[in-house]
């Protein structure tokens, strides 16, 4: 896939980013090199490679889910700018 000025301008329009011609030229070069690198990665044979979730071979240690201190509600609500009895009050975000 080749990246040209039209594609960069289209992407910037979708992202609502204004670009001048100098920045557009730089982005064409940068995005083209990124696409070339991704194409090289896609050509690699990864059939015998085991997927990793971490670079070390260790599993997560489980622990018991215990309540350490039940009576901290008042301390937590002290941090709230506005509260209603036992709850945080937040501004309405949906009309």
PDB file of N, CA and C in Angstrom:
ATOM      1  N   UNK A   1       0.844  -1.173   0.000  1.00  0.00           N
ATOM      2  CA  UNK A   1       0.000   0.000   0.000  1.00  0.00           C
ATOM      3  C   UNK A   1       0.890   1.237   0.000  1.00  0.00           C
ATOM      4  N   UNK A   2       0.603   2.147  -0.877  1.00  0.00           N
ATOM      5  CA  UNK A   2       1.397   3.370  -0.925  1.00  0.00           C
ATOM      6  C   UNK A   2       0.601   4.529  -0.338  1.00  0.00           C
ATOM      7  N   UNK A   3       1.308   5.380   0.339  1.00  0.00           N
ATOM      8  CA  UNK A   3       0.702   6.558   0.964  1.00  0.00           C
ATOM      9  C   UNK A   3       1.075   7.774   0.127  1.00  0.00           C
ATOM     10  N   UNK A   4       0.079   8.558  -0.250  1.00  0.00           N
ATOM     11  CA  UNK A   4       0.355   9.788  -0.985  1.00  0.00           C
ATOM     12  C   UNK A   4      -0.317  10.956  -0.260  1.00  0.00           C
ATOM     13  N   UNK A   5      -0.163  12.141  -0.826  1.00  0.00           N
ATOM     14  CA  UNK A   5      -0.691  13.348  -0.180  1.00  0.00           C
ATOM     15  C   UNK A   5      -2.202  13.304  -0.022  1.00  0.00           C
ATOM     16  N   UNK A   6      -2.894  12.720  -0.999  1.00  0.00           N
ATOM     17  CA  UNK A   6      -4.350  12.659  -0.921  1.00  0.00           C
ATOM     18  C   UNK A   6      -4.813  11.823   0.270  1.00  0.00           C
ATOM     19  N   UNK A   7      -4.137  10.716   0.515  1.00  0.00           N
ATOM     20  CA  UNK A   7      -4.499   9.859   1.645  1.00  0.00           C
ATOM     21  C   UNK A   7      -4.228  10.589   2.959  1.00  0.00           C
ATOM     22  N   UNK A   8      -3.091  11.259   3.054  1.00  0.00           N
ATOM     23  CA  UNK A   8      -2.755  11.994   4.276  1.00  0.00           C
ATOM     24  C   UNK A   8      -3.759  13.119   4.510  1.00  0.00           C
ATOM     25  N   UNK A   9      -4.137  13.818   3.459  1.00  0.00           N
ATOM     26  CA  UNK A   9      -5.129  14.891   3.608  1.00  0.00           C
ATOM     27  C   UNK A   9      -6.483  14.326   4.025  1.00  0.00           C
ATOM     28  N   UNK A  10      -6.852  13.168   3.482  1.00  0.00           N
ATOM     29  CA  UNK A  10      -8.111  12.533   3.856  1.00  0.00           C
ATOM     30  C   UNK A  10      -8.089  12.115   5.331  1.00  0.00           C
ATOM     31  N   UNK A  11      -6.990  11.529   5.760  1.00  0.00           N
ATOM     32  CA  UNK A  11      -6.858  11.115   7.163  1.00  0.00           C
ATOM     33  C   UNK A  11      -6.897  12.328   8.078  1.00  0.00           C
ATOM     34  N   UNK A  12      -6.219  13.401   7.696  1.00  0.00           N
ATOM     35  CA  UNK A  12      -6.221  14.596   8.540  1.00  0.00           C
ATOM     36  C   UNK A  12      -7.616  15.217   8.605  1.00  0.00           C
ATOM     37  N   UNK A  13      -8.357  15.125   7.519  1.00  0.00           N
ATOM     38  CA  UNK A  13      -9.734  15.634   7.526  1.00  0.00           C
ATOM     39  C   UNK A  13     -10.599  14.804   8.467  1.00  0.00           C
ATOM     40  N   UNK A  14     -10.458  13.468   8.408  1.00  0.00           N
ATOM     41  CA  UNK A  14     -11.222  12.602   9.303  1.00  0.00           C
ATOM     42  C   UNK A  14     -10.859  12.850  10.770  1.00  0.00           C
ATOM     43  N   UNK A  15      -9.581  13.125  11.008  1.00  0.00           N
ATOM     44  CA  UNK A  15      -9.115  13.363  12.378  1.00  0.00           C
ATOM     45  C   UNK A  15      -9.309  14.813  12.797  1.00  0.00           C
ATOM     46  N   UNK A  16      -9.778  15.632  11.872  1.00  0.00           N
ATOM     47  CA  UNK A  16      -9.985  17.059  12.116  1.00  0.00           C
ATOM     48  C   UNK A  16      -8.694  17.748  12.561  1.00  0.00           C
ATOM     49  N   UNK A  17      -7.636  17.444  11.812  1.00  0.00           N
ATOM     50  CA  UNK A  17      -6.321  18.040  12.055  1.00  0.00           C
ATOM     51  C   UNK A  17      -5.959  18.871  10.834  1.00  0.00           C
ATOM     52  N   UNK A  18      -5.560  20.095  11.068  1.00  0.00           N
ATOM     53  CA  UNK A  18      -5.144  20.928   9.936  1.00  0.00           C
ATOM     54  C   UNK A  18      -3.657  20.720   9.677  1.00  0.00           C
ATOM     55  N   UNK A  19      -3.317  20.542   8.418  1.00  0.00           N
ATOM     56  CA  UNK A  19      -1.925  20.315   8.021  1.00  0.00           C
ATOM     57  C   UNK A  19      -1.556  21.267   6.899  1.00  0.00           C
ATOM     58  N   UNK A  20      -0.331  21.775   6.958  1.00  0.00           N
ATOM     59  CA  UNK A  20       0.167  22.537   5.818  1.00  0.00           C
ATOM     60  C   UNK A  20       0.952  21.588   4.915  1.00  0.00           C
ATOM     61  N   UNK A  21       1.388  22.080   3.760  1.00  0.00           N
ATOM     62  CA  UNK A  21       2.067  21.215   2.789  1.00  0.00           C
ATOM     63  C   UNK A  21       3.369  20.638   3.321  1.00  0.00           C
ATOM     64  N   UNK A  22       4.083  21.405   4.135  1.00  0.00           N
ATOM     65  CA  UNK A  22       5.356  20.916   4.678  1.00  0.00           C
ATOM     66  C   UNK A  22       5.113  19.722   5.609  1.00  0.00           C
ATOM     67  N   UNK A  23       4.107  19.831   6.473  1.00  0.00           N
ATOM     68  CA  UNK A  23       3.796  18.722   7.376  1.00  0.00           C
ATOM     69  C   UNK A  23       3.247  17.525   6.605  1.00  0.00           C
ATOM     70  N   UNK A  24       2.476  17.799   5.560  1.00  0.00           N
ATOM     71  CA  UNK A  24       1.918  16.723   4.750  1.00  0.00           C
ATOM     72  C   UNK A  24       3.029  15.902   4.106  1.00  0.00           C
ATOM     73  N   UNK A  25       4.038  16.572   3.565  1.00  0.00           N
ATOM     74  CA  UNK A  25       5.168  15.861   2.950  1.00  0.00           C
ATOM     75  C   UNK A  25       5.891  14.990   3.969  1.00  0.00           C
ATOM     76  N   UNK A  26       6.083  15.519   5.172  1.00  0.00           N
ATOM     77  CA  UNK A  26       6.745  14.745   6.220  1.00  0.00           C
ATOM     78  C   UNK A  26       5.936  13.531   6.636  1.00  0.00           C
ATOM     79  N   UNK A  27       4.622  13.718   6.718  1.00  0.00           N
ATOM     80  CA  UNK A  27       3.769  12.595   7.101  1.00  0.00           C
ATOM     81  C   UNK A  27       3.694  11.532   6.020  1.00  0.00           C
ATOM     82  N   UNK A  28       3.732  11.941   4.765  1.00  0.00           N
ATOM     83  CA  UNK A  28       3.749  10.960   3.670  1.00  0.00           C
ATOM     84  C   UNK A  28       4.977  10.067   3.819  1.00  0.00           C
ATOM     85  N   UNK A  29       6.107  10.670   4.087  1.00  0.00           N
ATOM     86  CA  UNK A  29       7.355   9.913   4.242  1.00  0.00           C
ATOM     87  C   UNK A  29       7.285   8.996   5.466  1.00  0.00           C
ATOM     88  N   UNK A  30       6.834   9.544   6.596  1.00  0.00           N
ATOM     89  CA  UNK A  30       6.779   8.758   7.830  1.00  0.00           C
ATOM     90  C   UNK A  30       5.783   7.604   7.724  1.00  0.00           C
ATOM     91  N   UNK A  31       4.598   7.884   7.235  1.00  0.00           N
ATOM     92  CA  UNK A  31       3.586   6.826   7.124  1.00  0.00           C
ATOM     93  C   UNK A  31       3.987   5.755   6.120  1.00  0.00           C
ATOM     94  N   UNK A  32       4.642   6.158   5.057  1.00  0.00           N
ATOM     95  CA  UNK A  32       5.111   5.168   4.075  1.00  0.00           C
ATOM     96  C   UNK A  32       6.133   4.226   4.690  1.00  0.00           C
ATOM     97  N   UNK A  33       7.049   4.770   5.495  1.00  0.00           N
ATOM     98  CA  UNK A  33       8.054   3.907   6.132  1.00  0.00           C
ATOM     99  C   UNK A  33       7.394   2.981   7.160  1.00  0.00           C
ATOM    100  N   UNK A  34       6.371   3.461   7.849  1.00  0.00           N
ATOM    101  CA  UNK A  34       5.663   2.613   8.810  1.00  0.00           C
ATOM    102  C   UNK A  34       4.947   1.476   8.082  1.00  0.00           C
ATOM    103  N   UNK A  35       4.284   1.789   6.988  1.00  0.00           N
ATOM    104  CA  UNK A  35       3.582   0.757   6.213  1.00  0.00           C
ATOM    105  C   UNK A  35       4.566  -0.270   5.661  1.00  0.00           C
ATOM    106  N   UNK A  36       5.720   0.178   5.165  1.00  0.00           N
ATOM    107  CA  UNK A  36       6.742  -0.757   4.668  1.00  0.00           C
ATOM    108  C   UNK A  36       7.218  -1.693   5.773  1.00  0.00           C
ATOM    109  N   UNK A  37       7.410  -1.147   6.969  1.00  0.00           N
ATOM    110  CA  UNK A  37       7.852  -1.975   8.099  1.00  0.00           C
ATOM    111  C   UNK A  37       6.784  -3.006   8.454  1.00  0.00           C
ATOM    112  N   UNK A  38       5.525  -2.603   8.458  1.00  0.00           N
ATOM    113  CA  UNK A  38       4.436  -3.531   8.763  1.00  0.00           C
ATOM    114  C   UNK A  38       4.362  -4.624   7.707  1.00  0.00           C
ATOM    115  N   UNK A  39       4.569  -4.271   6.445  1.00  0.00           N
ATOM    116  CA  UNK A  39       4.567  -5.280   5.385  1.00  0.00           C
ATOM    117  C   UNK A  39       5.701  -6.276   5.567  1.00  0.00           C
ATOM    118  N   UNK A  40       6.870  -5.812   6.021  1.00  0.00           N
ATOM    119  CA  UNK A  40       7.975  -6.732   6.310  1.00  0.00           C
ATOM    120  C   UNK A  40       7.595  -7.675   7.450  1.00  0.00           C
ATOM    121  N   UNK A  41       6.955  -7.141   8.482  1.00  0.00           N
ATOM    122  CA  UNK A  41       6.548  -7.987   9.607  1.00  0.00           C
ATOM    123  C   UNK A  41       5.522  -9.027   9.178  1.00  0.00           C
ATOM    124  N   UNK A  42       4.624  -8.651   8.279  1.00  0.00           N
ATOM    125  CA  UNK A  42       3.607  -9.593   7.812  1.00  0.00           C
ATOM    126  C   UNK A  42       4.203 -10.747   7.016  1.00  0.00           C
ATOM    127  N   UNK A  43       5.376 -10.561   6.424  1.00  0.00           N
ATOM    128  CA  UNK A  43       6.017 -11.621   5.647  1.00  0.00           C
ATOM    129  C   UNK A  43       6.737 -12.645   6.520  1.00  0.00           C
ATOM    130  N   UNK A  44       6.951 -12.333   7.802  1.00  0.00           N
ATOM    131  CA  UNK A  44       7.678 -13.246   8.685  1.00  0.00           C
ATOM    132  C   UNK A  44       6.871 -14.503   8.952  1.00  0.00           C
ATOM    133  N   UNK A  45       7.573 -15.628   9.033  1.00  0.00           N
ATOM    134  CA  UNK A  45       6.942 -16.905   9.346  1.00  0.00           C
ATOM    135  C   UNK A  45       6.864 -17.047  10.869  1.00  0.00           C
ATOM    136  N   UNK A  46       5.681 -17.007  11.392  1.00  0.00           N
ATOM    137  CA  UNK A  46       5.485 -17.111  12.842  1.00  0.00           C
ATOM    138  C   UNK A  46       4.681 -18.356  13.210  1.00  0.00           C
ATOM    139  N   UNK A  47       4.739 -19.373  12.369  1.00  0.00           N
ATOM    140  CA  UNK A  47       3.945 -20.578  12.608  1.00  0.00           C
ATOM    141  C   UNK A  47       4.326 -21.289  13.900  1.00  0.00           C
ATOM    142  N   UNK A  48       5.606 -21.369  14.221  1.00  0.00           N
ATOM    143  CA  UNK A  48       6.058 -22.113  15.396  1.00  0.00           C
ATOM    144  C   UNK A  48       6.369 -21.200  16.580  1.00  0.00           C
ATOM    145  N   UNK A  49       5.866 -19.994  16.565  1.00  0.00           N
ATOM    146  CA  UNK A  49       6.127 -19.051  17.648  1.00  0.00           C
ATOM    147  C   UNK A  49       4.926 -19.037  18.581  1.00  0.00           C
ATOM    148  N   UNK A  50       5.205 -19.254  19.848  1.00  0.00           N
ATOM    149  CA  UNK A  50       4.141 -19.264  20.855  1.00  0.00           C
ATOM    150  C   UNK A  50       3.826 -17.813  21.249  1.00  0.00           C
ATOM    151  N   UNK A  51       2.554 -17.434  21.261  1.00  0.00           N
ATOM    152  CA  UNK A  51       2.207 -16.067  21.660  1.00  0.00           C
ATOM    153  C   UNK A  51       2.594 -15.792  23.107  1.00  0.00           C
ATOM    154  N   UNK A  52       3.040 -14.586  23.360  1.00  0.00           N
ATOM    155  CA  UNK A  52       3.463 -14.189  24.698  1.00  0.00           C
ATOM    156  C   UNK A  52       2.487 -13.186  25.288  1.00  0.00           C
ATOM    157  N   UNK A  53       2.300 -13.285  26.582  1.00  0.00           N
ATOM    158  CA  UNK A  53       1.586 -12.236  27.301  1.00  0.00           C
ATOM    159  C   UNK A  53       2.556 -11.423  28.130  1.00  0.00           C
ATOM    160  N   UNK A  54       3.768 -11.924  28.279  1.00  0.00           N
ATOM    161  CA  UNK A  54       4.803 -11.240  29.036  1.00  0.00           C
ATOM    162  C   UNK A  54       6.153 -11.743  28.542  1.00  0.00           C
ATOM    163  N   UNK A  55       7.200 -10.991  28.827  1.00  0.00           N
ATOM    164  CA  UNK A  55       8.528 -11.435  28.403  1.00  0.00           C
ATOM    165  C   UNK A  55       9.134 -12.449  29.366  1.00  0.00           C
ATOM    166  N   UNK A  56       8.518 -12.605  30.544  1.00  0.00           N
ATOM    167  CA  UNK A  56       8.985 -13.615  31.483  1.00  0.00           C
ATOM    168  C   UNK A  56       7.971 -14.743  31.534  1.00  0.00           C
ATOM    169  N   UNK A  57       8.437 -15.930  31.817  1.00  0.00           N
ATOM    170  CA  UNK A  57       7.572 -17.098  31.860  1.00  0.00           C
ATOM    171  C   UNK A  57       7.105 -17.326  33.302  1.00  0.00           C
ATOM    172  N   UNK A  58       6.130 -16.543  33.727  1.00  0.00           N
ATOM    173  CA  UNK A  58       5.599 -16.674  35.078  1.00  0.00           C
ATOM    174  C   UNK A  58       4.096 -16.467  35.039  1.00  0.00           C
ATOM    175  N   UNK A  59       3.406 -17.131  35.934  1.00  0.00           N
ATOM    176  CA  UNK A  59       1.964 -16.944  36.015  1.00  0.00           C
ATOM    177  C   UNK A  59       1.644 -15.997  37.163  1.00  0.00           C
ATOM    178  N   UNK A  60       0.454 -15.440  37.115  1.00  0.00           N
ATOM    179  CA  UNK A  60       0.038 -14.531  38.177  1.00  0.00           C
ATOM    180  C   UNK A  60      -0.242 -15.301  39.453  1.00  0.00           C
ATOM    181  N   UNK A  61       0.178 -14.724  40.548  1.00  0.00           N
ATOM    182  CA  UNK A  61      -0.077 -15.357  41.834  1.00  0.00           C
ATOM    183  C   UNK A  61      -1.462 -14.963  42.308  1.00  0.00           C
ATOM    184  N   UNK A  62      -2.211 -15.940  42.751  1.00  0.00           N
ATOM    185  CA  UNK A  62      -3.544 -15.676  43.274  1.00  0.00           C
ATOM    186  C   UNK A  62      -3.458 -15.366  44.757  1.00  0.00           C
ATOM    187  N   UNK A  63      -4.386 -14.537  45.215  1.00  0.00           N
ATOM    188  CA  UNK A  63      -4.468 -14.269  46.639  1.00  0.00           C
ATOM    189  C   UNK A  63      -5.930 -14.240  47.038  1.00  0.00           C
ATOM    190  N   UNK A  64      -6.166 -14.417  48.287  1.00  0.00           N
ATOM    191  CA  UNK A  64      -7.540 -14.395  48.778  1.00  0.00           C
ATOM    192  C   UNK A  64      -8.079 -12.972  48.694  1.00  0.00           C
ATOM    193  N   UNK A  65      -9.328 -12.851  48.316  1.00  0.00           N
ATOM    194  CA  UNK A  65      -9.981 -11.554  48.233  1.00  0.00           C
ATOM    195  C   UNK A  65     -10.589 -11.252  49.591  1.00  0.00           C
ATOM    196  N   UNK A  66      -9.877 -10.455  50.384  1.00  0.00           N
ATOM    197  CA  UNK A  66     -10.301 -10.173  51.744  1.00  0.00           C
ATOM    198  C   UNK A  66     -10.567  -8.681  51.910  1.00  0.00           C
ATOM    199  N   UNK A  67     -11.573  -8.370  52.708  1.00  0.00           N
ATOM    200  CA  UNK A  67     -11.850  -6.981  53.057  1.00  0.00           C
ATOM    201  C   UNK A  67     -10.952  -6.633  54.238  1.00  0.00           C
ATOM    202  N   UNK A  68     -10.108  -5.617  54.055  1.00  0.00           N
ATOM    203  CA  UNK A  68      -9.159  -5.250  55.104  1.00  0.00           C
ATOM    204  C   UNK A  68      -9.792  -4.289  56.116  1.00  0.00           C
ATOM    205  N   UNK A  69     -10.556  -3.300  55.596  1.00  0.00           N
ATOM    206  CA  UNK A  69     -11.135  -2.310  56.480  1.00  0.00           C
ATOM    207  C   UNK A  69     -12.496  -1.915  55.931  1.00  0.00           C
ATOM    208  N   UNK A  70     -13.540  -2.270  56.647  1.00  0.00           N
ATOM    209  CA  UNK A  70     -14.885  -2.021  56.154  1.00  0.00           C
ATOM    210  C   UNK A  70     -15.367  -0.604  56.407  1.00  0.00           C
ATOM    211  N   UNK A  71     -14.803   0.113  57.310  1.00  0.00           N
ATOM    212  CA  UNK A  71     -15.337   1.392  57.749  1.00  0.00           C
ATOM    213  C   UNK A  71     -14.559   2.576  57.183  1.00  0.00           C
ATOM    214  N   UNK A  72     -14.388   2.606  55.865  1.00  0.00           N
ATOM    215  CA  UNK A  72     -13.654   3.719  55.260  1.00  0.00           C
ATOM    216  C   UNK A  72     -14.540   4.585  54.366  1.00  0.00           C
ATOM    217  N   UNK A  73     -15.845   4.334  54.360  1.00  0.00           N
ATOM    218  CA  UNK A  73     -16.749   5.089  53.502  1.00  0.00           C
ATOM    219  C   UNK A  73     -16.666   6.590  53.784  1.00  0.00           C
ATOM    220  N   UNK A  74     -16.669   6.962  55.048  1.00  0.00           N
ATOM    221  CA  UNK A  74     -16.613   8.388  55.398  1.00  0.00           C
ATOM    222  C   UNK A  74     -15.306   9.013  54.937  1.00  0.00           C
ATOM    223  N   UNK A  75     -14.211   8.283  55.052  1.00  0.00           N
ATOM    224  CA  UNK A  75     -12.918   8.805  54.601  1.00  0.00           C
ATOM    225  C   UNK A  75     -12.916   9.008  53.083  1.00  0.00           C
ATOM    226  N   UNK A  76     -13.521   8.087  52.351  1.00  0.00           N
ATOM    227  CA  UNK A  76     -13.572   8.200  50.898  1.00  0.00           C
ATOM    228  C   UNK A  76     -14.462   9.367  50.483  1.00  0.00           C
ATOM    229  N   UNK A  77     -15.605   9.507  51.143  1.00  0.00           N
ATOM    230  CA  UNK A  77     -16.535  10.580  50.781  1.00  0.00           C
ATOM    231  C   UNK A  77     -15.995  11.966  51.139  1.00  0.00           C
ATOM    232  N   UNK A  78     -15.002  12.056  52.010  1.00  0.00           N
ATOM    233  CA  UNK A  78     -14.375  13.350  52.305  1.00  0.00           C
ATOM    234  C   UNK A  78     -13.706  13.921  51.060  1.00  0.00           C
ATOM    235  N   UNK A  79     -13.285  13.063  50.132  1.00  0.00           N
ATOM    236  CA  UNK A  79     -12.619  13.505  48.906  1.00  0.00           C
ATOM    237  C   UNK A  79     -13.590  14.014  47.854  1.00  0.00           C
ATOM    238  N   UNK A  80     -14.866  13.775  48.057  1.00  0.00           N
ATOM    239  CA  UNK A  80     -15.867  14.146  47.071  1.00  0.00           C
ATOM    240  C   UNK A  80     -16.230  15.622  47.206  1.00  0.00           C
ATOM    241  N   UNK A  81     -16.281  16.359  46.085  1.00  0.00           N
ATOM    242  CA  UNK A  81     -16.699  17.753  46.166  1.00  0.00           C
ATOM    243  C   UNK A  81     -18.172  17.890  46.534  1.00  0.00           C
ATOM    244  N   UNK A  82     -18.971  16.871  46.185  1.00  0.00           N
ATOM    245  CA  UNK A  82     -20.393  16.891  46.503  1.00  0.00           C
ATOM    246  C   UNK A  82     -20.837  15.454  46.770  1.00  0.00           C
ATOM    247  N   UNK A  83     -21.629  15.281  47.814  1.00  0.00           N
ATOM    248  CA  UNK A  83     -22.092  13.929  48.137  1.00  0.00           C
ATOM    249  C   UNK A  83     -23.549  13.973  48.549  1.00  0.00           C
ATOM    250  N   UNK A  84     -24.209  12.823  48.464  1.00  0.00           N
ATOM    251  CA  UNK A  84     -25.598  12.671  48.852  1.00  0.00           C
ATOM    252  C   UNK A  84     -25.668  11.431  49.735  1.00  0.00           C
ATOM    253  N   UNK A  85     -25.726  11.620  51.025  1.00  0.00           N
ATOM    254  CA  UNK A  85     -25.708  10.552  52.011  1.00  0.00           C
ATOM    255  C   UNK A  85     -24.469   9.681  51.831  1.00  0.00           C
ATOM    256  N   UNK A  86     -24.611   8.515  51.198  1.00  0.00           N
ATOM    257  CA  UNK A  86     -23.487   7.581  51.088  1.00  0.00           C
ATOM    258  C   UNK A  86     -22.905   7.505  49.682  1.00  0.00           C
ATOM    259  N   UNK A  87     -23.270   8.440  48.801  1.00  0.00           N
ATOM    260  CA  UNK A  87     -22.883   8.322  47.398  1.00  0.00           C
ATOM    261  C   UNK A  87     -22.215   9.593  46.898  1.00  0.00           C
ATOM    262  N   UNK A  88     -21.359   9.434  45.886  1.00  0.00           N
ATOM    263  CA  UNK A  88     -20.800  10.570  45.173  1.00  0.00           C
ATOM    264  C   UNK A  88     -21.880  11.173  44.288  1.00  0.00           C
ATOM    265  N   UNK A  89     -21.877  12.477  44.134  1.00  0.00           N
ATOM    266  CA  UNK A  89     -22.770  13.144  43.200  1.00  0.00           C
ATOM    267  C   UNK A  89     -21.908  13.647  42.051  1.00  0.00           C
ATOM    268  N   UNK A  90     -22.266  13.242  40.836  1.00  0.00           N
ATOM    269  CA  UNK A  90     -21.509  13.635  39.646  1.00  0.00           C
ATOM    270  C   UNK A  90     -22.409  14.420  38.718  1.00  0.00           C
ATOM    271  N   UNK A  91     -21.845  15.297  37.889  1.00  0.00           N
ATOM    272  CA  UNK A  91     -22.685  16.053  36.968  1.00  0.00           C
ATOM    273  C   UNK A  91     -23.298  15.152  35.902  1.00  0.00           C
ATOM    274  N   UNK A  92     -24.487  15.527  35.467  1.00  0.00           N
ATOM    275  CA  UNK A  92     -25.186  14.785  34.429  1.00  0.00           C
ATOM    276  C   UNK A  92     -24.452  14.982  33.101  1.00  0.00           C
ATOM    277  N   UNK A  93     -24.161  13.889  32.399  1.00  0.00           N
ATOM    278  CA  UNK A  93     -23.422  13.985  31.141  1.00  0.00           C
ATOM    279  C   UNK A  93     -24.270  13.632  29.935  1.00  0.00           C
ATOM    280  N   UNK A  94     -25.458  13.083  30.145  1.00  0.00           N
ATOM    281  CA  UNK A  94     -26.344  12.714  29.049  1.00  0.00           C
ATOM    282  C   UNK A  94     -27.613  13.541  29.183  1.00  0.00           C
ATOM    283  N   UNK A  95     -28.030  14.125  28.089  1.00  0.00           N
ATOM    284  CA  UNK A  95     -29.243  14.943  28.133  1.00  0.00           C
ATOM    285  C   UNK A  95     -30.439  14.146  27.696  1.00  0.00           C
TER     286      UNK A  95
END
